[in-house]
Amino acid sequence: MTKFVRKPRRKISVPKNCYFCTEKKEPTFWDTGSLQKFLTERGKIVPRSRNGLCASHQDGIEGSIKNARFLALMPFISR
């Protein structure tokens, strides 16, 4: 009988403070440069557990990204 060996999990460095709280800004759909930081390479929105935002700013990010996509300021997917 063989023993199951687990691989060690990779640690993901998560920022401890919210980007928008420290910069004293609010997420807006016009600022596509700062919104791009919270997307993966494939265009998915990064979850709160990975990007370190507070709950209110994460909700704002999601709405702003969706508005920017609808207004064709950002792509829905990347190729």
PDB file of N, CA and C in Angstrom:
ATOM      1  N   MET A   1       0.833  -1.172   0.000  1.00  0.00           N
ATOM      2  CA  MET A   1       0.000   0.000   0.000  1.00  0.00           C
ATOM      3  C   MET A   1       0.885   1.245   0.000  1.00  0.00           C
ATOM      4  N   THR A   2       0.618   2.159  -0.932  1.00  0.00           N
ATOM      5  CA  THR A   2       1.441   3.361  -1.019  1.00  0.00           C
ATOM      6  C   THR A   2       0.825   4.490  -0.206  1.00  0.00           C
ATOM      7  N   LYS A   3       1.699   5.299   0.312  1.00  0.00           N
ATOM      8  CA  LYS A   3       1.243   6.420   1.130  1.00  0.00           C
ATOM      9  C   LYS A   3       1.050   7.649   0.241  1.00  0.00           C
ATOM     10  N   PHE A   4      -0.048   8.338   0.470  1.00  0.00           N
ATOM     11  CA  PHE A   4      -0.359   9.541  -0.304  1.00  0.00           C
ATOM     12  C   PHE A   4       0.484  10.700   0.216  1.00  0.00           C
ATOM     13  N   VAL A   5       1.213  11.352  -0.699  1.00  0.00           N
ATOM     14  CA  VAL A   5       2.068  12.472  -0.315  1.00  0.00           C
ATOM     15  C   VAL A   5       1.495  13.741  -0.934  1.00  0.00           C
ATOM     16  N   ARG A   6       1.224  14.722  -0.081  1.00  0.00           N
ATOM     17  CA  ARG A   6       0.693  15.998  -0.573  1.00  0.00           C
ATOM     18  C   ARG A   6       1.820  16.917  -0.984  1.00  0.00           C
ATOM     19  N   LYS A   7       1.559  17.655  -2.064  1.00  0.00           N
ATOM     20  CA  LYS A   7       2.510  18.678  -2.461  1.00  0.00           C
ATOM     21  C   LYS A   7       2.300  19.897  -1.573  1.00  0.00           C
ATOM     22  N   PRO A   8       3.354  20.602  -1.242  1.00  0.00           N
ATOM     23  CA  PRO A   8       3.162  21.815  -0.455  1.00  0.00           C
ATOM     24  C   PRO A   8       2.462  22.891  -1.292  1.00  0.00           C
ATOM     25  N   ARG A   9       1.533  23.597  -0.650  1.00  0.00           N
ATOM     26  CA  ARG A   9       0.799  24.643  -1.364  1.00  0.00           C
ATOM     27  C   ARG A   9       1.670  25.865  -1.546  1.00  0.00           C
ATOM     28  N   ARG A  10       1.449  26.540  -2.690  1.00  0.00           N
ATOM     29  CA  ARG A  10       2.179  27.771  -2.939  1.00  0.00           C
ATOM     30  C   ARG A  10       1.537  28.904  -2.154  1.00  0.00           C
ATOM     31  N   LYS A  11       2.347  29.727  -1.558  1.00  0.00           N
ATOM     32  CA  LYS A  11       1.844  30.888  -0.842  1.00  0.00           C
ATOM     33  C   LYS A  11       1.635  32.019  -1.838  1.00  0.00           C
ATOM     34  N   ILE A  12       0.466  32.635  -1.786  1.00  0.00           N
ATOM     35  CA  ILE A  12       0.173  33.779  -2.628  1.00  0.00           C
ATOM     36  C   ILE A  12       0.279  35.013  -1.751  1.00  0.00           C
ATOM     37  N   SER A  13       1.134  35.944  -2.153  1.00  0.00           N
ATOM     38  CA  SER A  13       1.288  37.143  -1.341  1.00  0.00           C
ATOM     39  C   SER A  13       0.104  38.068  -1.602  1.00  0.00           C
ATOM     40  N   VAL A  14      -0.663  38.324  -0.542  1.00  0.00           N
ATOM     41  CA  VAL A  14      -1.859  39.148  -0.632  1.00  0.00           C
ATOM     42  C   VAL A  14      -1.584  40.451   0.102  1.00  0.00           C
ATOM     43  N   PRO A  15      -1.849  41.595  -0.549  1.00  0.00           N
ATOM     44  CA  PRO A  15      -1.670  42.850   0.177  1.00  0.00           C
ATOM     45  C   PRO A  15      -2.635  42.945   1.352  1.00  0.00           C
ATOM     46  N   LYS A  16      -2.181  43.491   2.467  1.00  0.00           N
ATOM     47  CA  LYS A  16      -2.989  43.544   3.678  1.00  0.00           C
ATOM     48  C   LYS A  16      -3.904  44.755   3.717  1.00  0.00           C
ATOM     49  N   ASN A  17      -3.615  45.780   2.924  1.00  0.00           N
ATOM     50  CA  ASN A  17      -4.442  46.980   2.956  1.00  0.00           C
ATOM     51  C   ASN A  17      -5.051  47.243   1.583  1.00  0.00           C
ATOM     52  N   CYS A  18      -6.170  47.923   1.599  1.00  0.00           N
ATOM     53  CA  CYS A  18      -6.921  48.189   0.377  1.00  0.00           C
ATOM     54  C   CYS A  18      -6.211  49.262  -0.446  1.00  0.00           C
ATOM     55  N   TYR A  19      -6.083  49.037  -1.756  1.00  0.00           N
ATOM     56  CA  TYR A  19      -5.423  49.981  -2.654  1.00  0.00           C
ATOM     57  C   TYR A  19      -6.158  51.312  -2.677  1.00  0.00           C
ATOM     58  N   PHE A  20      -7.468  51.278  -2.751  1.00  0.00           N
ATOM     59  CA  PHE A  20      -8.251  52.509  -2.871  1.00  0.00           C
ATOM     60  C   PHE A  20      -8.339  53.260  -1.544  1.00  0.00           C
ATOM     61  N   CYS A  21      -8.307  52.560  -0.430  1.00  0.00           N
ATOM     62  CA  CYS A  21      -8.309  53.243   0.875  1.00  0.00           C
ATOM     63  C   CYS A  21      -6.987  53.972   1.098  1.00  0.00           C
ATOM     64  N   THR A  22      -5.870  53.375   0.707  1.00  0.00           N
ATOM     65  CA  THR A  22      -4.575  54.017   0.907  1.00  0.00           C
ATOM     66  C   THR A  22      -4.375  55.178  -0.059  1.00  0.00           C
ATOM     67  N   GLU A  23      -4.897  55.072  -1.289  1.00  0.00           N
ATOM     68  CA  GLU A  23      -4.757  56.139  -2.282  1.00  0.00           C
ATOM     69  C   GLU A  23      -5.817  57.226  -2.124  1.00  0.00           C
ATOM     70  N   LYS A  24      -6.816  56.996  -1.260  1.00  0.00           N
ATOM     71  CA  LYS A  24      -7.935  57.925  -1.053  1.00  0.00           C
ATOM     72  C   LYS A  24      -8.654  58.222  -2.373  1.00  0.00           C
ATOM     73  N   LYS A  25      -8.935  57.156  -3.125  1.00  0.00           N
ATOM     74  CA  LYS A  25      -9.625  57.250  -4.406  1.00  0.00           C
ATOM     75  C   LYS A  25     -10.853  56.354  -4.368  1.00  0.00           C
ATOM     76  N   GLU A  26     -11.703  56.522  -5.353  1.00  0.00           N
ATOM     77  CA  GLU A  26     -12.843  55.641  -5.560  1.00  0.00           C
ATOM     78  C   GLU A  26     -12.704  55.022  -6.944  1.00  0.00           C
ATOM     79  N   PRO A  27     -13.102  53.763  -7.121  1.00  0.00           N
ATOM     80  CA  PRO A  27     -13.006  53.148  -8.451  1.00  0.00           C
ATOM     81  C   PRO A  27     -14.039  53.744  -9.402  1.00  0.00           C
ATOM     82  N   THR A  28     -13.577  54.204 -10.559  1.00  0.00           N
ATOM     83  CA  THR A  28     -14.473  54.726 -11.591  1.00  0.00           C
ATOM     84  C   THR A  28     -14.199  53.987 -12.886  1.00  0.00           C
ATOM     85  N   PHE A  29     -15.207  53.924 -13.733  1.00  0.00           N
ATOM     86  CA  PHE A  29     -15.054  53.161 -14.974  1.00  0.00           C
ATOM     87  C   PHE A  29     -14.173  53.882 -15.979  1.00  0.00           C
ATOM     88  N   TRP A  30     -13.935  55.181 -15.827  1.00  0.00           N
ATOM     89  CA  TRP A  30     -13.058  55.899 -16.762  1.00  0.00           C
ATOM     90  C   TRP A  30     -11.594  55.579 -16.528  1.00  0.00           C
ATOM     91  N   ASP A  31     -11.227  55.222 -15.319  1.00  0.00           N
ATOM     92  CA  ASP A  31      -9.836  54.955 -14.970  1.00  0.00           C
ATOM     93  C   ASP A  31      -9.500  53.496 -15.267  1.00  0.00           C
ATOM     94  N   THR A  32      -9.362  53.181 -16.550  1.00  0.00           N
ATOM     95  CA  THR A  32      -9.148  51.789 -16.943  1.00  0.00           C
ATOM     96  C   THR A  32      -7.767  51.280 -16.550  1.00  0.00           C
ATOM     97  N   GLY A  33      -6.819  52.172 -16.349  1.00  0.00           N
ATOM     98  CA  GLY A  33      -5.479  51.745 -15.945  1.00  0.00           C
ATOM     99  C   GLY A  33      -5.471  51.096 -14.577  1.00  0.00           C
ATOM    100  N   SER A  34      -6.190  51.701 -13.631  1.00  0.00           N
ATOM    101  CA  SER A  34      -6.230  51.105 -12.296  1.00  0.00           C
ATOM    102  C   SER A  34      -7.159  49.894 -12.258  1.00  0.00           C
ATOM    103  N   LEU A  35      -8.175  49.875 -13.107  1.00  0.00           N
ATOM    104  CA  LEU A  35      -9.062  48.709 -13.161  1.00  0.00           C
ATOM    105  C   LEU A  35      -8.351  47.493 -13.734  1.00  0.00           C
ATOM    106  N   GLN A  36      -7.393  47.724 -14.627  1.00  0.00           N
ATOM    107  CA  GLN A  36      -6.675  46.629 -15.272  1.00  0.00           C
ATOM    108  C   GLN A  36      -5.851  45.833 -14.262  1.00  0.00           C
ATOM    109  N   LYS A  37      -5.467  46.457 -13.143  1.00  0.00           N
ATOM    110  CA  LYS A  37      -4.690  45.754 -12.111  1.00  0.00           C
ATOM    111  C   LYS A  37      -5.486  44.627 -11.467  1.00  0.00           C
ATOM    112  N   PHE A  38      -6.811  44.744 -11.495  1.00  0.00           N
ATOM    113  CA  PHE A  38      -7.665  43.790 -10.799  1.00  0.00           C
ATOM    114  C   PHE A  38      -8.294  42.780 -11.740  1.00  0.00           C
ATOM    115  N   LEU A  39      -7.676  42.584 -12.906  1.00  0.00           N
ATOM    116  CA  LEU A  39      -8.097  41.562 -13.868  1.00  0.00           C
ATOM    117  C   LEU A  39      -6.960  40.579 -14.079  1.00  0.00           C
ATOM    118  N   THR A  40      -7.309  39.332 -14.392  1.00  0.00           N
ATOM    119  CA  THR A  40      -6.288  38.352 -14.742  1.00  0.00           C
ATOM    120  C   THR A  40      -5.882  38.547 -16.196  1.00  0.00           C
ATOM    121  N   GLU A  41      -4.956  37.727 -16.664  1.00  0.00           N
ATOM    122  CA  GLU A  41      -4.515  37.821 -18.049  1.00  0.00           C
ATOM    123  C   GLU A  41      -5.643  37.494 -19.024  1.00  0.00           C
ATOM    124  N   ARG A  42      -6.570  36.657 -18.571  1.00  0.00           N
ATOM    125  CA  ARG A  42      -7.681  36.248 -19.424  1.00  0.00           C
ATOM    126  C   ARG A  42      -8.880  37.182 -19.332  1.00  0.00           C
ATOM    127  N   GLY A  43      -8.811  38.177 -18.459  1.00  0.00           N
ATOM    128  CA  GLY A  43      -9.881  39.150 -18.359  1.00  0.00           C
ATOM    129  C   GLY A  43     -10.881  38.888 -17.254  1.00  0.00           C
ATOM    130  N   LYS A  44     -10.578  37.949 -16.347  1.00  0.00           N
ATOM    131  CA  LYS A  44     -11.488  37.676 -15.240  1.00  0.00           C
ATOM    132  C   LYS A  44     -11.196  38.626 -14.084  1.00  0.00           C
ATOM    133  N   ILE A  45     -12.228  38.945 -13.309  1.00  0.00           N
ATOM    134  CA  ILE A  45     -12.074  39.820 -12.154  1.00  0.00           C
ATOM    135  C   ILE A  45     -11.457  39.009 -11.011  1.00  0.00           C
ATOM    136  N   VAL A  46     -10.387  39.541 -10.426  1.00  0.00           N
ATOM    137  CA  VAL A  46      -9.672  38.854  -9.354  1.00  0.00           C
ATOM    138  C   VAL A  46     -10.515  38.927  -8.080  1.00  0.00           C
ATOM    139  N   PRO A  47     -10.672  37.807  -7.354  1.00  0.00           N
ATOM    140  CA  PRO A  47     -11.492  37.830  -6.141  1.00  0.00           C
ATOM    141  C   PRO A  47     -10.834  38.623  -5.012  1.00  0.00           C
ATOM    142  N   ARG A  48     -11.641  38.964  -4.039  1.00  0.00           N
ATOM    143  CA  ARG A  48     -11.211  39.782  -2.925  1.00  0.00           C
ATOM    144  C   ARG A  48     -10.120  39.121  -2.094  1.00  0.00           C
ATOM    145  N   SER A  49     -10.143  37.806  -2.024  1.00  0.00           N
ATOM    146  CA  SER A  49      -9.141  37.088  -1.242  1.00  0.00           C
ATOM    147  C   SER A  49      -7.758  37.146  -1.877  1.00  0.00           C
ATOM    148  N   ARG A  50      -7.681  37.502  -3.144  1.00  0.00           N
ATOM    149  CA  ARG A  50      -6.393  37.559  -3.837  1.00  0.00           C
ATOM    150  C   ARG A  50      -5.876  38.971  -4.042  1.00  0.00           C
ATOM    151  N   ASN A  51      -6.776  39.994  -4.071  1.00  0.00           N
ATOM    152  CA  ASN A  51      -6.283  41.331  -4.381  1.00  0.00           C
ATOM    153  C   ASN A  51      -6.206  42.251  -3.175  1.00  0.00           C
ATOM    154  N   GLY A  52      -6.785  41.877  -2.024  1.00  0.00           N
ATOM    155  CA  GLY A  52      -6.619  42.650  -0.804  1.00  0.00           C
ATOM    156  C   GLY A  52      -7.495  43.870  -0.680  1.00  0.00           C
ATOM    157  N   LEU A  53      -8.548  43.982  -1.473  1.00  0.00           N
ATOM    158  CA  LEU A  53      -9.444  45.128  -1.364  1.00  0.00           C
ATOM    159  C   LEU A  53     -10.444  44.919  -0.241  1.00  0.00           C
ATOM    160  N   CYS A  54     -10.985  46.026   0.282  1.00  0.00           N
ATOM    161  CA  CYS A  54     -12.055  45.914   1.267  1.00  0.00           C
ATOM    162  C   CYS A  54     -13.356  45.610   0.524  1.00  0.00           C
ATOM    163  N   ALA A  55     -14.395  45.270   1.265  1.00  0.00           N
ATOM    164  CA  ALA A  55     -15.639  44.802   0.654  1.00  0.00           C
ATOM    165  C   ALA A  55     -16.314  45.890  -0.185  1.00  0.00           C
ATOM    166  N   SER A  56     -16.337  47.107   0.316  1.00  0.00           N
ATOM    167  CA  SER A  56     -17.025  48.169  -0.425  1.00  0.00           C
ATOM    168  C   SER A  56     -16.298  48.506  -1.718  1.00  0.00           C
ATOM    169  N   HIS A  57     -14.969  48.512  -1.691  1.00  0.00           N
ATOM    170  CA  HIS A  57     -14.232  48.821  -2.910  1.00  0.00           C
ATOM    171  C   HIS A  57     -14.244  47.645  -3.891  1.00  0.00           C
ATOM    172  N   GLN A  58     -14.330  46.413  -3.398  1.00  0.00           N
ATOM    173  CA  GLN A  58     -14.448  45.270  -4.305  1.00  0.00           C
ATOM    174  C   GLN A  58     -15.764  45.344  -5.068  1.00  0.00           C
ATOM    175  N   ASP A  59     -16.858  45.722  -4.381  1.00  0.00           N
ATOM    176  CA  ASP A  59     -18.136  45.888  -5.066  1.00  0.00           C
ATOM    177  C   ASP A  59     -18.057  47.001  -6.099  1.00  0.00           C
ATOM    178  N   GLY A  60     -17.368  48.080  -5.741  1.00  0.00           N
ATOM    179  CA  GLY A  60     -17.197  49.181  -6.687  1.00  0.00           C
ATOM    180  C   GLY A  60     -16.374  48.792  -7.901  1.00  0.00           C
ATOM    181  N   ILE A  61     -15.338  47.987  -7.667  1.00  0.00           N
ATOM    182  CA  ILE A  61     -14.489  47.511  -8.770  1.00  0.00           C
ATOM    183  C   ILE A  61     -15.305  46.669  -9.741  1.00  0.00           C
ATOM    184  N   GLU A  62     -16.106  45.755  -9.207  1.00  0.00           N
ATOM    185  CA  GLU A  62     -16.892  44.881 -10.070  1.00  0.00           C
ATOM    186  C   GLU A  62     -17.857  45.685 -10.927  1.00  0.00           C
ATOM    187  N   GLY A  63     -18.545  46.634 -10.313  1.00  0.00           N
ATOM    188  CA  GLY A  63     -19.478  47.467 -11.078  1.00  0.00           C
ATOM    189  C   GLY A  63     -18.777  48.335 -12.098  1.00  0.00           C
ATOM    190  N   SER A  64     -17.625  48.885 -11.735  1.00  0.00           N
ATOM    191  CA  SER A  64     -16.886  49.756 -12.649  1.00  0.00           C
ATOM    192  C   SER A  64     -16.334  48.978 -13.834  1.00  0.00           C
ATOM    193  N   ILE A  65     -15.840  47.770 -13.585  1.00  0.00           N
ATOM    194  CA  ILE A  65     -15.317  46.950 -14.683  1.00  0.00           C
ATOM    195  C   ILE A  65     -16.452  46.572 -15.629  1.00  0.00           C
ATOM    196  N   LYS A  66     -17.607  46.216 -15.068  1.00  0.00           N
ATOM    197  CA  LYS A  66     -18.736  45.847 -15.913  1.00  0.00           C
ATOM    198  C   LYS A  66     -19.244  47.037 -16.723  1.00  0.00           C
ATOM    199  N   ASN A  67     -19.271  48.231 -16.118  1.00  0.00           N
ATOM    200  CA  ASN A  67     -19.663  49.430 -16.866  1.00  0.00           C
ATOM    201  C   ASN A  67     -18.665  49.742 -17.967  1.00  0.00           C
ATOM    202  N   ALA A  68     -17.365  49.631 -17.661  1.00  0.00           N
ATOM    203  CA  ALA A  68     -16.337  49.912 -18.662  1.00  0.00           C
ATOM    204  C   ALA A  68     -16.410  48.912 -19.812  1.00  0.00           C
ATOM    205  N   ARG A  69     -16.731  47.664 -19.525  1.00  0.00           N
ATOM    206  CA  ARG A  69     -16.888  46.674 -20.592  1.00  0.00           C
ATOM    207  C   ARG A  69     -18.102  47.002 -21.452  1.00  0.00           C
ATOM    208  N   PHE A  70     -19.190  47.411 -20.812  1.00  0.00           N
ATOM    209  CA  PHE A  70     -20.409  47.723 -21.548  1.00  0.00           C
ATOM    210  C   PHE A  70     -20.213  48.939 -22.448  1.00  0.00           C
ATOM    211  N   LEU A  71     -19.432  49.906 -22.019  1.00  0.00           N
ATOM    212  CA  LEU A  71     -19.170  51.110 -22.797  1.00  0.00           C
ATOM    213  C   LEU A  71     -17.994  50.946 -23.754  1.00  0.00           C
ATOM    214  N   ALA A  72     -17.458  49.739 -23.872  1.00  0.00           N
ATOM    215  CA  ALA A  72     -16.356  49.386 -24.775  1.00  0.00           C
ATOM    216  C   ALA A  72     -15.058  50.115 -24.429  1.00  0.00           C
ATOM    217  N   LEU A  73     -14.849  50.418 -23.154  1.00  0.00           N
ATOM    218  CA  LEU A  73     -13.572  50.975 -22.719  1.00  0.00           C
ATOM    219  C   LEU A  73     -12.589  49.867 -22.386  1.00  0.00           C
ATOM    220  N   MET A  74     -13.106  48.691 -22.040  1.00  0.00           N
ATOM    221  CA  MET A  74     -12.292  47.521 -21.731  1.00  0.00           C
ATOM    222  C   MET A  74     -12.866  46.318 -22.472  1.00  0.00           C
ATOM    223  N   PRO A  75     -12.028  45.352 -22.829  1.00  0.00           N
ATOM    224  CA  PRO A  75     -12.553  44.173 -23.506  1.00  0.00           C
ATOM    225  C   PRO A  75     -13.206  43.184 -22.533  1.00  0.00           C
ATOM    226  N   PHE A  76     -14.167  42.410 -23.026  1.00  0.00           N
ATOM    227  CA  PHE A  76     -14.760  41.355 -22.211  1.00  0.00           C
ATOM    228  C   PHE A  76     -13.784  40.207 -22.017  1.00  0.00           C
ATOM    229  N   ILE A  77     -13.061  39.840 -23.081  1.00  0.00           N
ATOM    230  CA  ILE A  77     -12.061  38.784 -23.019  1.00  0.00           C
ATOM    231  C   ILE A  77     -10.786  39.270 -23.697  1.00  0.00           C
ATOM    232  N   SER A  78      -9.682  38.647 -23.392  1.00  0.00           N
ATOM    233  CA  SER A  78      -8.428  38.968 -24.075  1.00  0.00           C
ATOM    234  C   SER A  78      -8.033  37.764 -24.910  1.00  0.00           C
ATOM    235  N   ARG A  79      -7.465  38.018 -26.034  1.00  0.00           N
ATOM    236  CA  ARG A  79      -7.080  36.928 -26.935  1.00  0.00           C
ATOM    237  C   ARG A  79      -5.611  36.662 -26.879  1.00  0.00           C
TER     238      ARG A  79
END
